[in-house]
């Protein structure tokens, strides 16, 4: 290889190396830890003949040293193992570093599924001591991370817990 060809190869090699490094850094993202998301609130928003709308509040905890930018999320709520409601939210939220916030999501439930669940619940809602047993819930979905100028990333989440019905009598 003569001198002019070698001069062309070195800049091309440096450019290729820089692109590989940039691609590798972009793939890791800014967040060291995934956010933790759990059910914080549920309220009836609207009841129609075949569908009900609920406003749920999702507690988003950011365990990172940089603010967490959420551009949207989708979720599914199961109660006692049965699909209850699904929904999406597309508002932009910023969760501060090492902070938390409630992100509201409107979810929709089929009235037919709710009636079937109520009938099943009415057949066995009590424990042996006569108290209402808590309802088990499971919240699953995906949160879309990233602001306007950031590389967007989608992360799955899952949260389980119990809803106490003792105050509902």
N, C-alpha and C. Protein backbone atom coordinates (compact mmCIF):
# COMPACT_ATOMS: atom_id res chain seq x y z
N UNK A 1 0.84 -1.17 0.00
CA UNK A 1 0.00 0.00 0.00
C UNK A 1 0.89 1.23 0.00
N UNK A 2 0.59 2.17 -0.88
CA UNK A 2 1.42 3.37 -0.92
C UNK A 2 0.87 4.43 0.04
N UNK A 3 1.55 5.55 0.17
CA UNK A 3 1.25 6.60 1.13
C UNK A 3 -0.15 7.21 0.97
N UNK A 4 -0.65 7.59 -0.22
CA UNK A 4 -1.98 8.21 -0.33
C UNK A 4 -3.10 7.27 0.13
N UNK A 5 -2.98 5.99 -0.16
CA UNK A 5 -4.02 5.05 0.26
C UNK A 5 -4.06 4.92 1.78
N UNK A 6 -2.92 4.95 2.43
CA UNK A 6 -2.85 4.84 3.88
C UNK A 6 -3.49 6.06 4.53
N UNK A 7 -3.34 7.25 3.97
CA UNK A 7 -3.95 8.47 4.52
C UNK A 7 -5.46 8.38 4.48
N UNK A 8 -6.03 7.77 3.46
CA UNK A 8 -7.48 7.63 3.35
C UNK A 8 -8.02 6.59 4.32
N UNK A 9 -7.26 5.56 4.60
CA UNK A 9 -7.72 4.49 5.48
C UNK A 9 -7.79 4.92 6.94
N UNK A 10 -6.85 5.71 7.39
CA UNK A 10 -6.80 6.11 8.80
C UNK A 10 -8.03 6.95 9.18
N UNK A 11 -8.41 8.00 8.43
CA UNK A 11 -9.63 8.73 8.80
C UNK A 11 -10.89 7.86 8.74
N UNK A 12 -10.96 6.97 7.77
CA UNK A 12 -12.13 6.09 7.67
C UNK A 12 -12.18 5.15 8.88
N UNK A 13 -11.03 4.64 9.32
CA UNK A 13 -10.97 3.76 10.48
C UNK A 13 -11.36 4.52 11.75
N UNK A 14 -10.87 5.73 11.91
CA UNK A 14 -11.20 6.55 13.09
C UNK A 14 -12.70 6.85 13.10
N UNK A 15 -13.29 7.20 11.96
CA UNK A 15 -14.72 7.48 11.87
C UNK A 15 -15.54 6.25 12.23
N UNK A 16 -15.16 5.09 11.72
CA UNK A 16 -15.88 3.85 12.03
C UNK A 16 -15.80 3.54 13.52
N UNK A 17 -14.63 3.71 14.13
CA UNK A 17 -14.45 3.46 15.55
C UNK A 17 -15.32 4.40 16.39
N UNK A 18 -15.36 5.67 16.02
CA UNK A 18 -16.20 6.64 16.73
C UNK A 18 -17.68 6.27 16.64
N UNK A 19 -18.13 5.84 15.49
CA UNK A 19 -19.54 5.45 15.32
C UNK A 19 -19.88 4.23 16.17
N UNK A 20 -18.96 3.29 16.27
CA UNK A 20 -19.18 2.10 17.10
C UNK A 20 -19.28 2.50 18.58
N UNK A 21 -18.42 3.38 19.02
CA UNK A 21 -18.44 3.84 20.42
C UNK A 21 -19.73 4.58 20.71
N UNK A 22 -20.15 5.48 19.82
CA UNK A 22 -21.39 6.24 20.02
C UNK A 22 -22.59 5.30 20.06
N UNK A 23 -22.65 4.34 19.18
CA UNK A 23 -23.77 3.38 19.16
C UNK A 23 -23.81 2.57 20.45
N UNK A 24 -22.66 2.20 20.97
CA UNK A 24 -22.61 1.44 22.21
C UNK A 24 -23.08 2.25 23.39
N UNK A 25 -22.73 3.52 23.46
CA UNK A 25 -23.17 4.38 24.56
C UNK A 25 -24.66 4.66 24.46
N UNK A 26 -25.17 4.84 23.28
CA UNK A 26 -26.59 5.13 23.11
C UNK A 26 -27.44 3.95 23.54
N UNK A 27 -26.95 2.75 23.36
CA UNK A 27 -27.72 1.57 23.72
C UNK A 27 -27.87 1.38 25.22
N UNK A 28 -26.95 1.88 26.03
CA UNK A 28 -27.04 1.70 27.46
C UNK A 28 -28.02 2.65 28.10
N UNK A 29 -28.30 3.80 27.50
CA UNK A 29 -29.27 4.73 28.07
C UNK A 29 -28.69 5.50 29.24
N UNK A 30 -29.52 6.42 29.77
CA UNK A 30 -29.08 7.27 30.87
C UNK A 30 -29.45 6.69 32.22
N UNK A 31 -30.30 5.70 32.26
CA UNK A 31 -30.84 5.22 33.52
C UNK A 31 -30.19 3.91 33.93
N UNK A 32 -29.59 3.92 35.12
CA UNK A 32 -28.94 2.72 35.63
C UNK A 32 -29.95 1.70 36.15
N UNK A 33 -31.06 2.19 36.72
CA UNK A 33 -32.06 1.33 37.31
C UNK A 33 -33.43 1.60 36.69
N UNK A 34 -34.21 0.56 36.50
CA UNK A 34 -35.57 0.71 35.97
C UNK A 34 -36.45 1.36 37.03
N UNK A 35 -37.42 2.16 36.62
CA UNK A 35 -38.34 2.76 37.60
C UNK A 35 -39.22 1.68 38.22
N UNK A 36 -39.68 1.92 39.45
CA UNK A 36 -40.63 1.03 40.11
C UNK A 36 -42.01 1.68 40.01
N UNK A 37 -43.00 0.89 39.59
CA UNK A 37 -44.34 1.42 39.36
C UNK A 37 -45.34 0.56 40.11
N UNK A 38 -46.23 1.20 40.89
CA UNK A 38 -47.24 0.46 41.64
C UNK A 38 -48.56 1.22 41.63
N UNK A 39 -49.63 0.52 41.95
CA UNK A 39 -50.96 1.10 42.01
C UNK A 39 -51.09 1.92 43.28
N UNK A 40 -51.47 3.20 43.15
CA UNK A 40 -51.58 4.08 44.30
C UNK A 40 -53.02 4.52 44.57
N UNK A 41 -53.87 4.52 43.54
CA UNK A 41 -55.23 5.01 43.72
C UNK A 41 -56.10 4.48 42.58
N UNK A 42 -57.39 4.34 42.85
CA UNK A 42 -58.35 3.96 41.82
C UNK A 42 -59.68 4.64 42.14
N UNK A 43 -60.24 5.31 41.14
CA UNK A 43 -61.51 6.04 41.30
C UNK A 43 -62.39 5.81 40.08
N UNK A 44 -63.69 5.73 40.33
CA UNK A 44 -64.64 5.61 39.23
C UNK A 44 -64.72 6.97 38.53
N UNK A 45 -64.59 6.95 37.22
CA UNK A 45 -64.67 8.19 36.45
C UNK A 45 -66.01 8.28 35.71
N UNK A 46 -66.44 7.16 35.11
CA UNK A 46 -67.68 7.18 34.34
C UNK A 46 -68.20 5.75 34.22
N UNK A 47 -69.52 5.60 34.33
CA UNK A 47 -70.15 4.29 34.15
C UNK A 47 -71.16 4.39 33.02
N UNK A 48 -71.00 3.51 32.04
CA UNK A 48 -71.93 3.43 30.91
C UNK A 48 -72.54 2.04 30.89
N UNK A 49 -73.40 1.80 29.94
CA UNK A 49 -74.09 0.52 29.86
C UNK A 49 -73.13 -0.65 29.68
N UNK A 50 -72.18 -0.54 28.79
CA UNK A 50 -71.28 -1.66 28.51
C UNK A 50 -69.83 -1.43 28.92
N UNK A 51 -69.53 -0.25 29.43
CA UNK A 51 -68.14 0.06 29.75
C UNK A 51 -68.07 1.05 30.90
N UNK A 52 -67.06 0.87 31.73
CA UNK A 52 -66.78 1.83 32.80
C UNK A 52 -65.37 2.37 32.63
N UNK A 53 -65.20 3.61 33.05
CA UNK A 53 -63.88 4.23 33.01
C UNK A 53 -63.45 4.52 34.45
N UNK A 54 -62.20 4.21 34.74
CA UNK A 54 -61.62 4.46 36.04
C UNK A 54 -60.38 5.33 35.86
N UNK A 55 -60.10 6.15 36.85
CA UNK A 55 -58.87 6.92 36.85
C UNK A 55 -57.99 6.27 37.90
N UNK A 56 -56.88 5.67 37.46
CA UNK A 56 -55.96 5.08 38.42
C UNK A 56 -54.73 5.98 38.53
N UNK A 57 -54.16 5.97 39.70
CA UNK A 57 -52.92 6.69 39.94
C UNK A 57 -51.79 5.69 40.09
N UNK A 58 -50.77 5.84 39.30
CA UNK A 58 -49.61 4.96 39.38
C UNK A 58 -48.47 5.70 40.07
N UNK A 59 -47.97 5.12 41.14
CA UNK A 59 -46.81 5.70 41.83
C UNK A 59 -45.57 5.28 41.07
N UNK A 60 -44.84 6.25 40.54
CA UNK A 60 -43.60 5.99 39.80
C UNK A 60 -42.44 6.45 40.67
N UNK A 61 -41.56 5.52 40.99
CA UNK A 61 -40.39 5.82 41.82
C UNK A 61 -39.15 5.77 40.93
N UNK A 62 -38.38 6.85 40.95
CA UNK A 62 -37.17 6.95 40.15
C UNK A 62 -35.94 6.72 41.04
N UNK A 63 -35.28 5.56 40.94
CA UNK A 63 -34.10 5.29 41.77
C UNK A 63 -32.79 5.74 41.13
N UNK A 64 -32.86 6.65 40.18
CA UNK A 64 -31.67 7.09 39.44
C UNK A 64 -31.24 8.49 39.85
N UNK A 65 -30.01 8.83 39.53
CA UNK A 65 -29.48 10.15 39.89
C UNK A 65 -29.78 11.22 38.84
N UNK A 66 -30.54 10.87 37.83
CA UNK A 66 -30.98 11.83 36.82
C UNK A 66 -32.51 11.80 36.74
N UNK A 67 -33.14 12.90 36.37
CA UNK A 67 -34.60 12.90 36.24
C UNK A 67 -35.06 11.85 35.21
N UNK A 68 -36.20 11.27 35.46
CA UNK A 68 -36.79 10.24 34.62
C UNK A 68 -37.88 10.90 33.77
N UNK A 69 -37.69 10.87 32.46
CA UNK A 69 -38.68 11.46 31.56
C UNK A 69 -39.56 10.35 31.00
N UNK A 70 -40.86 10.48 31.24
CA UNK A 70 -41.83 9.51 30.75
C UNK A 70 -42.65 10.18 29.66
N UNK A 71 -42.67 9.56 28.47
CA UNK A 71 -43.46 10.11 27.38
C UNK A 71 -44.78 9.38 27.20
N UNK A 72 -44.96 8.25 27.90
CA UNK A 72 -46.23 7.54 27.84
C UNK A 72 -46.13 6.19 28.51
N UNK A 73 -47.29 5.59 28.75
CA UNK A 73 -47.31 4.24 29.28
C UNK A 73 -48.63 3.57 28.96
N UNK A 74 -48.61 2.25 29.00
CA UNK A 74 -49.82 1.45 28.83
C UNK A 74 -49.82 0.42 29.94
N UNK A 75 -51.05 0.08 30.40
CA UNK A 75 -51.12 -0.87 31.50
C UNK A 75 -52.38 -1.72 31.44
N UNK A 76 -52.31 -2.83 32.17
CA UNK A 76 -53.44 -3.74 32.31
C UNK A 76 -53.56 -4.07 33.79
N UNK A 77 -54.78 -3.99 34.30
CA UNK A 77 -55.04 -4.27 35.70
C UNK A 77 -55.88 -5.54 35.80
N UNK A 78 -55.37 -6.52 36.56
CA UNK A 78 -56.11 -7.75 36.83
C UNK A 78 -56.49 -7.75 38.30
N UNK A 79 -57.70 -8.22 38.59
CA UNK A 79 -58.14 -8.36 39.97
C UNK A 79 -58.54 -9.81 40.17
N UNK A 80 -57.96 -10.41 41.21
CA UNK A 80 -58.15 -11.83 41.50
C UNK A 80 -57.91 -12.70 40.27
N UNK A 81 -56.89 -12.37 39.50
CA UNK A 81 -56.49 -13.16 38.34
C UNK A 81 -57.30 -12.94 37.08
N UNK A 82 -58.29 -12.07 37.14
CA UNK A 82 -59.13 -11.82 35.96
C UNK A 82 -58.86 -10.43 35.40
N UNK A 83 -58.84 -10.33 34.07
CA UNK A 83 -58.66 -9.01 33.45
C UNK A 83 -59.75 -8.08 33.94
N UNK A 84 -59.35 -6.89 34.39
CA UNK A 84 -60.31 -5.92 34.90
C UNK A 84 -60.38 -4.70 34.00
N UNK A 85 -59.22 -4.10 33.70
CA UNK A 85 -59.23 -2.86 32.91
C UNK A 85 -57.88 -2.68 32.22
N UNK A 86 -57.92 -1.96 31.10
CA UNK A 86 -56.69 -1.60 30.37
C UNK A 86 -56.75 -0.13 30.01
N UNK A 87 -55.58 0.47 29.82
CA UNK A 87 -55.55 1.88 29.44
C UNK A 87 -54.17 2.35 29.03
N UNK A 88 -54.14 3.57 28.54
CA UNK A 88 -52.89 4.21 28.12
C UNK A 88 -52.88 5.66 28.59
N UNK A 89 -51.70 6.22 28.69
CA UNK A 89 -51.51 7.63 29.00
C UNK A 89 -50.39 8.15 28.12
N UNK A 90 -50.59 9.29 27.52
CA UNK A 90 -49.59 9.84 26.62
C UNK A 90 -49.02 11.17 27.06
N UNK A 91 -49.33 11.60 28.27
CA UNK A 91 -48.79 12.87 28.74
C UNK A 91 -47.32 12.73 29.14
N UNK A 92 -46.59 13.81 28.99
CA UNK A 92 -45.17 13.85 29.35
C UNK A 92 -45.05 14.16 30.84
N UNK A 93 -44.30 13.33 31.57
CA UNK A 93 -44.06 13.54 33.00
C UNK A 93 -42.57 13.46 33.26
N UNK A 94 -42.10 14.26 34.19
CA UNK A 94 -40.70 14.21 34.62
C UNK A 94 -40.69 13.87 36.11
N UNK A 95 -40.07 12.74 36.44
CA UNK A 95 -39.95 12.31 37.82
C UNK A 95 -38.54 12.71 38.27
N UNK A 96 -38.44 13.51 39.35
CA UNK A 96 -37.12 13.99 39.75
C UNK A 96 -36.18 12.86 40.16
N UNK A 97 -34.88 13.13 40.12
CA UNK A 97 -33.89 12.16 40.55
C UNK A 97 -34.18 11.76 41.99
N UNK A 98 -34.12 10.45 42.27
CA UNK A 98 -34.40 9.91 43.59
C UNK A 98 -35.73 10.41 44.14
N UNK A 99 -36.71 10.56 43.28
CA UNK A 99 -38.02 11.05 43.69
C UNK A 99 -39.13 10.15 43.18
N UNK A 100 -40.35 10.60 43.43
CA UNK A 100 -41.51 9.85 42.96
C UNK A 100 -42.65 10.81 42.65
N UNK A 101 -43.61 10.31 41.90
CA UNK A 101 -44.79 11.10 41.54
C UNK A 101 -45.91 10.15 41.17
N UNK A 102 -47.13 10.66 41.23
CA UNK A 102 -48.29 9.91 40.79
C UNK A 102 -48.57 10.28 39.34
N UNK A 103 -48.67 9.27 38.47
CA UNK A 103 -49.00 9.47 37.06
C UNK A 103 -50.43 8.96 36.86
N UNK A 104 -51.37 9.84 36.46
CA UNK A 104 -52.75 9.39 36.25
C UNK A 104 -52.92 8.69 34.91
N UNK A 105 -53.73 7.62 34.93
CA UNK A 105 -54.03 6.85 33.72
C UNK A 105 -55.53 6.54 33.73
N UNK A 106 -56.20 6.76 32.62
CA UNK A 106 -57.59 6.34 32.48
C UNK A 106 -57.60 4.93 31.92
N UNK A 107 -58.28 4.03 32.64
CA UNK A 107 -58.40 2.64 32.19
C UNK A 107 -59.87 2.34 31.97
N UNK A 108 -60.12 1.39 31.09
CA UNK A 108 -61.49 1.05 30.70
C UNK A 108 -61.76 -0.41 31.01
N UNK A 109 -62.96 -0.67 31.56
CA UNK A 109 -63.35 -2.02 31.93
C UNK A 109 -64.69 -2.36 31.31
N UNK A 110 -64.84 -3.59 30.88
CA UNK A 110 -66.10 -4.08 30.33
C UNK A 110 -67.09 -4.30 31.48
N UNK A 111 -68.30 -3.79 31.35
CA UNK A 111 -69.32 -3.99 32.37
C UNK A 111 -69.68 -5.47 32.50
N UNK A 112 -69.65 -6.20 31.40
CA UNK A 112 -69.96 -7.63 31.44
C UNK A 112 -68.95 -8.37 32.30
N UNK A 113 -67.66 -8.06 32.13
CA UNK A 113 -66.62 -8.69 32.95
C UNK A 113 -66.77 -8.30 34.42
N UNK A 114 -67.16 -7.04 34.67
CA UNK A 114 -67.32 -6.58 36.04
C UNK A 114 -68.48 -7.29 36.73
N UNK A 115 -69.60 -7.50 36.01
CA UNK A 115 -70.75 -8.21 36.59
C UNK A 115 -70.36 -9.65 36.90
N UNK A 116 -69.65 -10.32 36.00
CA UNK A 116 -69.21 -11.69 36.24
C UNK A 116 -68.30 -11.75 37.46
N UNK A 117 -67.41 -10.78 37.62
CA UNK A 117 -66.52 -10.75 38.78
C UNK A 117 -67.31 -10.50 40.06
N UNK A 118 -68.31 -9.63 40.00
CA UNK A 118 -69.13 -9.33 41.18
C UNK A 118 -69.92 -10.55 41.63
N UNK A 119 -70.45 -11.31 40.67
CA UNK A 119 -71.18 -12.54 41.01
C UNK A 119 -70.25 -13.54 41.68
N UNK A 120 -69.05 -13.71 41.14
CA UNK A 120 -68.08 -14.64 41.73
C UNK A 120 -67.68 -14.16 43.12
N UNK A 121 -67.52 -12.85 43.29
CA UNK A 121 -67.14 -12.29 44.59
C UNK A 121 -68.26 -12.48 45.61
N UNK A 122 -69.51 -12.31 45.18
CA UNK A 122 -70.66 -12.44 46.08
C UNK A 122 -70.81 -13.86 46.61
N UNK A 123 -70.29 -14.83 45.90
CA UNK A 123 -70.40 -16.22 46.32
C UNK A 123 -69.36 -16.60 47.37
N UNK A 124 -68.38 -15.78 47.59
CA UNK A 124 -67.37 -16.15 48.58
C UNK A 124 -66.49 -15.01 49.03
N UNK A 125 -67.06 -13.88 49.49
CA UNK A 125 -66.21 -12.73 49.82
C UNK A 125 -65.62 -12.77 51.22
N UNK A 126 -66.07 -13.68 52.09
CA UNK A 126 -65.64 -13.63 53.48
C UNK A 126 -64.57 -14.66 53.80
N UNK A 127 -63.74 -14.31 54.78
CA UNK A 127 -62.83 -15.27 55.37
C UNK A 127 -63.60 -16.09 56.39
N UNK A 128 -62.96 -17.03 57.06
CA UNK A 128 -63.61 -17.85 58.08
C UNK A 128 -64.13 -17.01 59.25
N UNK A 129 -63.48 -15.88 59.53
CA UNK A 129 -63.89 -15.05 60.66
C UNK A 129 -64.94 -14.00 60.28
N UNK A 130 -65.51 -14.08 59.09
CA UNK A 130 -66.59 -13.16 58.69
C UNK A 130 -66.11 -11.84 58.10
N UNK A 131 -64.81 -11.62 58.02
CA UNK A 131 -64.30 -10.38 57.46
C UNK A 131 -64.16 -10.52 55.95
N UNK A 132 -64.29 -9.39 55.25
CA UNK A 132 -64.10 -9.41 53.80
C UNK A 132 -62.64 -9.71 53.49
N UNK A 133 -62.42 -10.63 52.58
CA UNK A 133 -61.03 -10.92 52.20
C UNK A 133 -60.57 -9.87 51.19
N UNK A 134 -59.30 -9.51 51.24
CA UNK A 134 -58.81 -8.51 50.30
C UNK A 134 -58.76 -9.06 48.87
N UNK A 135 -58.89 -8.15 47.91
CA UNK A 135 -58.78 -8.53 46.50
C UNK A 135 -57.32 -8.44 46.08
N UNK A 136 -56.83 -9.45 45.40
CA UNK A 136 -55.46 -9.44 44.89
C UNK A 136 -55.47 -8.73 43.54
N UNK A 137 -54.51 -7.86 43.32
CA UNK A 137 -54.40 -7.20 42.02
C UNK A 137 -53.02 -7.43 41.44
N UNK A 138 -52.97 -7.34 40.13
CA UNK A 138 -51.70 -7.39 39.41
C UNK A 138 -51.74 -6.31 38.34
N UNK A 139 -50.75 -5.47 38.34
CA UNK A 139 -50.63 -4.38 37.38
C UNK A 139 -49.43 -4.67 36.49
N UNK A 140 -49.65 -4.75 35.18
CA UNK A 140 -48.55 -4.98 34.24
C UNK A 140 -48.63 -3.94 33.13
N UNK A 141 -47.53 -3.72 32.46
CA UNK A 141 -47.54 -2.79 31.34
C UNK A 141 -46.14 -2.42 30.89
N UNK A 142 -46.09 -1.32 30.14
CA UNK A 142 -44.83 -0.81 29.62
C UNK A 142 -44.80 0.70 29.81
N UNK A 143 -43.65 1.20 30.20
CA UNK A 143 -43.46 2.65 30.32
C UNK A 143 -42.48 3.08 29.22
N UNK A 144 -42.82 4.15 28.56
CA UNK A 144 -41.99 4.69 27.46
C UNK A 144 -41.16 5.83 28.04
N UNK A 145 -39.84 5.63 28.07
CA UNK A 145 -38.92 6.62 28.61
C UNK A 145 -38.35 7.49 27.51
N UNK A 146 -38.06 8.72 27.84
CA UNK A 146 -37.37 9.58 26.89
C UNK A 146 -38.10 10.87 26.63
N UNK A 147 -37.33 11.94 26.52
CA UNK A 147 -37.89 13.24 26.18
C UNK A 147 -37.83 13.47 24.69
N UNK A 148 -38.01 14.72 24.33
CA UNK A 148 -38.05 15.07 22.91
C UNK A 148 -36.72 14.83 22.20
N UNK A 149 -35.62 15.05 22.89
CA UNK A 149 -34.31 14.94 22.23
C UNK A 149 -33.53 13.69 22.67
N UNK A 150 -34.21 12.76 23.35
CA UNK A 150 -33.50 11.59 23.85
C UNK A 150 -33.89 10.35 23.05
N UNK A 151 -33.03 9.38 23.12
CA UNK A 151 -33.32 8.08 22.54
C UNK A 151 -34.44 7.44 23.36
N UNK A 152 -35.53 7.06 22.73
CA UNK A 152 -36.67 6.50 23.45
C UNK A 152 -36.42 5.02 23.75
N UNK A 153 -36.93 4.59 24.90
CA UNK A 153 -36.75 3.23 25.35
C UNK A 153 -38.02 2.78 26.05
N UNK A 154 -38.46 1.56 25.83
CA UNK A 154 -39.65 1.03 26.47
C UNK A 154 -39.25 -0.04 27.46
N UNK A 155 -39.76 0.07 28.70
CA UNK A 155 -39.43 -0.90 29.74
C UNK A 155 -40.71 -1.53 30.28
N UNK A 156 -40.72 -2.83 30.50
CA UNK A 156 -41.89 -3.46 31.11
C UNK A 156 -41.92 -3.21 32.61
N UNK A 157 -43.12 -3.28 33.20
CA UNK A 157 -43.23 -3.21 34.66
C UNK A 157 -44.31 -4.17 35.12
N UNK A 158 -44.22 -4.55 36.40
CA UNK A 158 -45.20 -5.43 37.01
C UNK A 158 -45.25 -5.11 38.50
N UNK A 159 -46.46 -5.09 39.05
CA UNK A 159 -46.65 -4.82 40.46
C UNK A 159 -47.82 -5.66 40.95
N UNK A 160 -47.69 -6.22 42.15
CA UNK A 160 -48.76 -7.02 42.74
C UNK A 160 -49.05 -6.50 44.13
N UNK A 161 -50.29 -6.71 44.57
CA UNK A 161 -50.65 -6.30 45.92
C UNK A 161 -52.08 -6.71 46.24
N UNK A 162 -52.59 -6.15 47.32
CA UNK A 162 -53.95 -6.45 47.76
C UNK A 162 -54.70 -5.16 47.99
N UNK A 163 -56.00 -5.20 47.67
CA UNK A 163 -56.90 -4.09 47.92
C UNK A 163 -57.82 -4.49 49.08
N UNK A 164 -57.75 -3.76 50.17
CA UNK A 164 -58.58 -4.07 51.34
C UNK A 164 -59.99 -3.55 51.11
N UNK A 165 -60.99 -4.35 51.48
CA UNK A 165 -62.39 -3.95 51.34
C UNK A 165 -63.05 -3.70 52.69
N UNK A 166 -62.27 -3.67 53.76
CA UNK A 166 -62.86 -3.52 55.09
C UNK A 166 -63.62 -2.20 55.26
N UNK A 167 -63.16 -1.13 54.67
CA UNK A 167 -63.85 0.15 54.78
C UNK A 167 -65.02 0.29 53.83
N UNK A 168 -65.26 -0.70 52.98
CA UNK A 168 -66.29 -0.60 51.95
C UNK A 168 -67.65 -1.13 52.39
N UNK A 169 -67.77 -1.65 53.61
CA UNK A 169 -69.07 -2.20 54.08
C UNK A 169 -70.06 -1.13 54.38
